[in-house]
Amino acid sequence: MRHTEQSMIQFTRSRATILVGAFGSGKTELAVNFATRMADSAGGRATLVDIDILKPMFRSRDLRRQLAAKGVRVVSSVEGYEAVDVPALSPAIYGAIEDESTPLVMDVGGDDDGARALGRFRADLERAGYDMLYVVNTLRPFSSTPEEIVAMLQAVERASRLTCTALVSNANLGAASSVDEISGGLDMVSRVSGELGIPVRFFAVSRRVAQSQGESVDRIARDAGIPAFVIDRLVLPPWERPSEE
């Protein structure tokens, strides 16, 4: 698949990439994949900031050791509060934003609390320059119609006081996904793009689908003029995670 060899330049326009989206958008999985790919393309280092403060089952900081092995440093809660679902965000986040030597990916919770927490860093992000990507899974609640997508996106912008710079289509049904869901989701996200005047930066596709239906994925990308971003399944529910013992 040619997508996997493409430069990360086409997927983000800034050193600091913020991923936001409604609950169930797949934003955390995308953020983890994004950070590892950024590390691969930037000399083996990247930083992933976890501001997904109130979603205990799927958190990028739970992969801290696995990501460290791939060159990704995870910054989230104040030391000692990593497993607590309170907004005890580490001051190290400010340093990560200011560190121009390392690519930065921010995983932000899709509710108002997550967006407001992101807003604490608004001035620093505006100085550093950022790309805020709104991730949409049209097969999840609150994102199944253009009206719902627009309403949620605008709510995130109001709460964070930051501007979404691009959309990402991440339509999937988990292991049951196929190119039909991908194509239909991209069509709807493209409609929202036209309505808001915000570009669609890329659409996400699982590696399983990319490998089994590669020609169809290539055709979707070619017809839409939008690149595909291939993701691996790294964020697992607790009962599927390997033991660290």
Protein backbone atom coordinates (compact mmCIF):
# COMPACT_ATOMS: atom_id res chain seq x y z
CA MET A 1 0.00 0.00 0.00
CA ARG A 2 1.50 3.29 -1.00
CA HIS A 3 -0.29 5.18 1.81
CA THR A 4 2.00 3.77 4.49
CA GLU A 5 5.07 5.19 2.78
CA GLN A 6 3.73 8.73 2.43
CA SER A 7 5.24 11.62 4.35
CA MET A 8 3.51 12.82 7.52
CA ILE A 9 3.57 16.32 6.00
CA GLN A 10 0.30 15.63 4.20
CA PHE A 11 -1.43 14.63 7.44
CA THR A 12 -0.50 17.58 9.63
CA ARG A 13 0.52 21.18 9.00
CA SER A 14 2.20 21.94 12.32
CA ARG A 15 4.60 20.53 14.89
CA ALA A 16 1.70 20.48 17.41
CA THR A 17 -1.22 18.33 16.26
CA ILE A 18 -4.36 18.30 18.41
CA LEU A 19 -6.89 15.50 17.94
CA VAL A 20 -10.42 16.18 19.17
CA GLY A 21 -13.73 14.44 18.56
CA ALA A 22 -16.94 13.13 20.05
CA PHE A 23 -17.02 10.08 22.30
CA GLY A 24 -16.44 6.94 20.23
CA SER A 25 -14.76 8.75 17.34
CA GLY A 26 -11.63 6.60 17.64
CA LYS A 27 -9.59 9.69 18.43
CA THR A 28 -7.36 8.01 21.02
CA GLU A 29 -6.42 5.15 18.69
CA LEU A 30 -5.65 7.68 16.00
CA ALA A 31 -3.58 9.82 18.39
CA VAL A 32 -1.44 6.84 19.42
CA ASN A 33 -0.84 5.82 15.81
CA PHE A 34 -0.17 9.43 14.86
CA ALA A 35 2.44 9.84 17.60
CA THR A 36 4.32 6.67 16.64
CA ARG A 37 4.37 7.71 12.98
CA MET A 38 5.58 11.20 13.93
CA ALA A 39 8.41 9.63 15.93
CA ASP A 40 9.34 7.44 12.95
CA SER A 41 9.57 10.49 10.69
CA ALA A 42 11.30 12.80 13.19
CA GLY A 43 14.46 11.04 14.27
CA GLY A 44 12.80 8.59 16.63
CA ARG A 45 11.18 11.05 19.07
CA ALA A 46 7.72 12.47 19.65
CA THR A 47 5.58 13.54 22.60
CA LEU A 48 1.98 12.48 23.19
CA VAL A 49 0.00 14.64 25.62
CA ASP A 50 -3.05 12.89 27.06
CA ILE A 51 -5.86 15.30 28.02
CA ASP A 52 -8.53 12.63 27.69
CA ILE A 53 -9.25 13.10 31.39
CA LEU A 54 -12.62 11.44 31.93
CA LYS A 55 -12.69 8.26 29.82
CA PRO A 56 -11.23 5.45 31.93
CA MET A 57 -11.44 2.52 29.49
CA PHE A 58 -9.41 3.86 26.54
CA ARG A 59 -6.54 6.18 27.46
CA SER A 60 -3.31 6.73 25.57
CA ARG A 61 -1.40 7.05 28.86
CA ASP A 62 -2.17 3.38 29.59
CA LEU A 63 0.27 2.57 26.77
CA ARG A 64 3.10 4.58 28.30
CA ARG A 65 5.64 1.72 28.33
CA GLN A 66 4.73 0.43 24.89
CA LEU A 67 4.97 3.91 23.39
CA ALA A 68 8.27 4.67 25.13
CA ALA A 69 9.77 1.70 23.27
CA LYS A 70 8.73 3.41 20.03
CA GLY A 71 10.28 6.75 20.99
CA VAL A 72 7.05 8.40 22.18
CA ARG A 73 7.02 10.15 25.56
CA VAL A 74 3.58 10.34 27.18
CA VAL A 75 2.69 13.35 29.32
CA SER A 76 -0.64 13.46 31.16
CA SER A 77 -1.56 13.75 34.82
CA VAL A 78 0.52 15.07 37.68
CA GLU A 79 2.88 12.32 38.85
CA GLY A 80 1.03 9.93 41.15
CA TYR A 81 -2.38 10.72 39.64
CA GLU A 82 -1.99 8.94 36.29
CA ALA A 83 -4.79 6.44 37.01
CA VAL A 84 -7.20 8.92 38.58
CA ASP A 85 -9.99 10.42 36.50
CA VAL A 86 -9.57 14.02 37.62
CA PRO A 87 -8.12 16.97 35.67
CA ALA A 88 -4.76 16.90 37.51
CA LEU A 89 -2.81 17.84 34.40
CA SER A 90 0.96 18.01 34.61
CA PRO A 91 2.84 21.31 34.25
CA ALA A 92 5.11 19.32 31.91
CA ILE A 93 2.47 19.87 29.22
CA TYR A 94 3.58 23.49 28.94
CA GLY A 95 7.15 22.35 28.38
CA ALA A 96 6.06 19.85 25.74
CA ILE A 97 4.26 22.61 23.83
CA GLU A 98 7.28 24.91 23.99
CA ASP A 99 9.83 22.24 22.97
CA GLU A 100 10.30 23.01 19.29
CA SER A 101 12.70 20.08 18.82
CA THR A 102 10.06 17.37 19.20
CA PRO A 103 6.76 16.77 17.35
CA LEU A 104 3.73 16.98 19.62
CA VAL A 105 0.41 15.11 19.46
CA MET A 106 -2.41 15.98 21.88
CA ASP A 107 -5.24 13.52 22.62
CA VAL A 108 -8.17 15.56 23.96
CA GLY A 109 -11.41 14.22 25.45
CA GLY A 110 -14.48 14.83 23.34
CA ASP A 111 -16.67 16.30 26.08
CA ASP A 112 -16.74 19.89 27.34
CA ASP A 113 -14.40 19.02 30.23
CA GLY A 114 -11.70 17.83 27.85
CA ALA A 115 -12.08 20.84 25.57
CA ARG A 116 -12.02 23.25 28.51
CA ALA A 117 -8.88 21.55 29.84
CA LEU A 118 -7.29 22.06 26.42
CA GLY A 119 -8.27 25.73 26.63
CA ARG A 120 -5.84 26.19 29.52
CA PHE A 121 -3.04 25.93 26.97
CA ARG A 122 -4.64 28.17 24.33
CA ALA A 123 -2.12 31.02 24.52
CA ASP A 124 0.84 28.64 24.45
CA LEU A 125 -0.56 26.71 21.49
CA GLU A 126 -1.29 29.88 19.56
CA ARG A 127 2.30 31.02 20.08
CA ALA A 128 3.70 27.64 19.07
CA GLY A 129 1.31 27.12 16.15
CA TYR A 130 -1.09 24.19 16.05
CA ASP A 131 -3.19 22.00 13.79
CA MET A 132 -6.49 20.92 15.43
CA LEU A 133 -8.08 17.95 13.67
CA TYR A 134 -11.71 17.07 14.41
CA VAL A 135 -12.11 13.29 14.16
CA VAL A 136 -15.49 11.98 13.00
CA ASN A 137 -16.87 8.46 13.13
CA THR A 138 -20.25 8.77 11.43
CA LEU A 139 -21.26 5.37 12.81
CA ARG A 140 -21.23 6.56 16.42
CA PRO A 141 -23.76 8.61 18.44
CA PHE A 142 -23.69 12.41 18.07
CA SER A 143 -21.91 12.14 14.72
CA SER A 144 -24.41 10.34 12.49
CA THR A 145 -25.71 13.44 10.66
CA PRO A 146 -24.04 16.59 9.32
CA GLU A 147 -26.03 18.64 11.84
CA GLU A 148 -24.73 16.61 14.79
CA ILE A 149 -21.14 16.82 13.53
CA VAL A 150 -21.31 20.59 13.12
CA ALA A 151 -22.90 21.06 16.55
CA MET A 152 -20.25 18.96 18.33
CA LEU A 153 -17.37 20.59 16.46
CA GLN A 154 -18.58 24.07 17.31
CA ALA A 155 -19.09 23.07 20.96
CA VAL A 156 -15.45 21.92 21.13
CA GLU A 157 -14.28 25.19 19.59
CA ARG A 158 -16.29 27.26 22.08
CA ALA A 159 -15.08 25.28 25.10
CA SER A 160 -11.41 25.23 24.05
CA ARG A 161 -11.35 28.72 22.47
CA LEU A 162 -9.31 27.17 19.66
CA THR A 163 -10.17 26.68 15.99
CA CYS A 164 -10.50 23.36 14.19
CA THR A 165 -8.24 23.53 11.14
CA ALA A 166 -9.28 20.29 9.42
CA LEU A 167 -11.59 17.27 9.57
CA VAL A 168 -10.66 13.58 9.71
CA SER A 169 -13.04 10.83 8.61
CA ASN A 170 -12.68 7.74 10.79
CA ALA A 171 -15.86 5.83 9.97
CA ASN A 172 -15.57 2.26 11.23
CA LEU A 173 -17.39 -0.58 12.95
CA GLY A 174 -14.32 -1.97 14.65
CA ALA A 175 -13.38 -5.44 13.48
CA ALA A 176 -16.42 -5.56 11.18
CA SER A 177 -15.37 -2.52 9.15
CA SER A 178 -15.21 -2.51 5.37
CA VAL A 179 -14.67 0.00 2.58
CA ASP A 180 -18.43 0.60 2.45
CA GLU A 181 -18.38 2.28 5.87
CA ILE A 182 -15.21 4.16 4.99
CA SER A 183 -16.65 5.51 1.74
CA GLY A 184 -20.01 6.47 3.27
CA GLY A 185 -18.37 8.22 6.20
CA LEU A 186 -16.02 10.16 3.97
CA ASP A 187 -18.95 11.33 1.84
CA MET A 188 -20.72 12.76 4.90
CA VAL A 189 -17.58 14.38 6.32
CA SER A 190 -16.94 15.94 2.91
CA ARG A 191 -20.44 17.46 3.03
CA VAL A 192 -19.62 18.99 6.41
CA SER A 193 -16.34 20.23 4.96
CA GLY A 194 -18.21 22.07 2.22
CA GLU A 195 -20.65 23.57 4.71
CA LEU A 196 -18.00 24.83 7.14
CA GLY A 197 -15.20 25.57 4.70
CA ILE A 198 -12.84 23.30 6.66
CA PRO A 199 -10.81 20.79 4.58
CA VAL A 200 -10.81 17.04 5.10
CA ARG A 201 -7.17 16.29 5.86
CA PHE A 202 -7.34 12.48 5.52
CA PHE A 203 -9.49 9.43 6.14
CA ALA A 204 -8.42 6.63 8.47
CA VAL A 205 -8.43 2.96 7.55
CA SER A 206 -7.41 -0.06 9.61
CA ARG A 207 -4.41 -2.03 8.47
CA ARG A 208 -6.65 -5.10 8.09
CA VAL A 209 -8.89 -3.30 5.60
CA ALA A 210 -5.92 -1.66 3.87
CA GLN A 211 -4.34 -5.07 3.31
CA SER A 212 -7.49 -7.00 2.35
CA GLN A 213 -9.20 -4.30 0.26
CA GLY A 214 -6.24 -2.20 -0.81
CA GLU A 215 -7.40 -1.51 -4.36
CA SER A 216 -10.74 -0.19 -3.10
CA VAL A 217 -9.01 2.03 -0.53
CA ASP A 218 -6.73 3.38 -3.25
CA ARG A 219 -9.75 4.12 -5.42
CA ILE A 220 -11.53 6.02 -2.61
CA ALA A 221 -8.41 8.10 -2.00
CA ARG A 222 -7.94 8.80 -5.70
CA ASP A 223 -11.58 9.70 -6.38
CA ALA A 224 -11.84 11.99 -3.33
CA GLY A 225 -8.37 13.49 -3.68
CA ILE A 226 -7.88 12.78 0.04
CA PRO A 227 -5.09 10.55 1.41
CA ALA A 228 -5.64 7.46 3.57
CA PHE A 229 -3.95 7.10 6.95
CA VAL A 230 -3.44 3.44 7.89
CA ILE A 231 -3.78 2.67 11.60
CA ASP A 232 -2.87 -0.35 13.70
CA ARG A 233 -5.07 -1.53 16.57
CA LEU A 234 -3.03 -0.50 19.61
CA VAL A 235 -5.61 0.79 22.09
CA LEU A 236 -7.20 -2.31 23.62
CA PRO A 237 -9.89 -2.71 26.29
CA PRO A 238 -8.54 -3.88 29.69
CA TRP A 239 -9.55 -7.52 29.12
CA GLU A 240 -7.46 -7.72 25.92
CA ARG A 241 -4.32 -6.01 27.20
CA PRO A 242 -1.26 -8.20 27.75
CA SER A 243 -0.01 -8.54 31.31
CA GLU A 244 3.00 -6.37 32.19
CA GLU A 245 4.31 -8.96 34.64
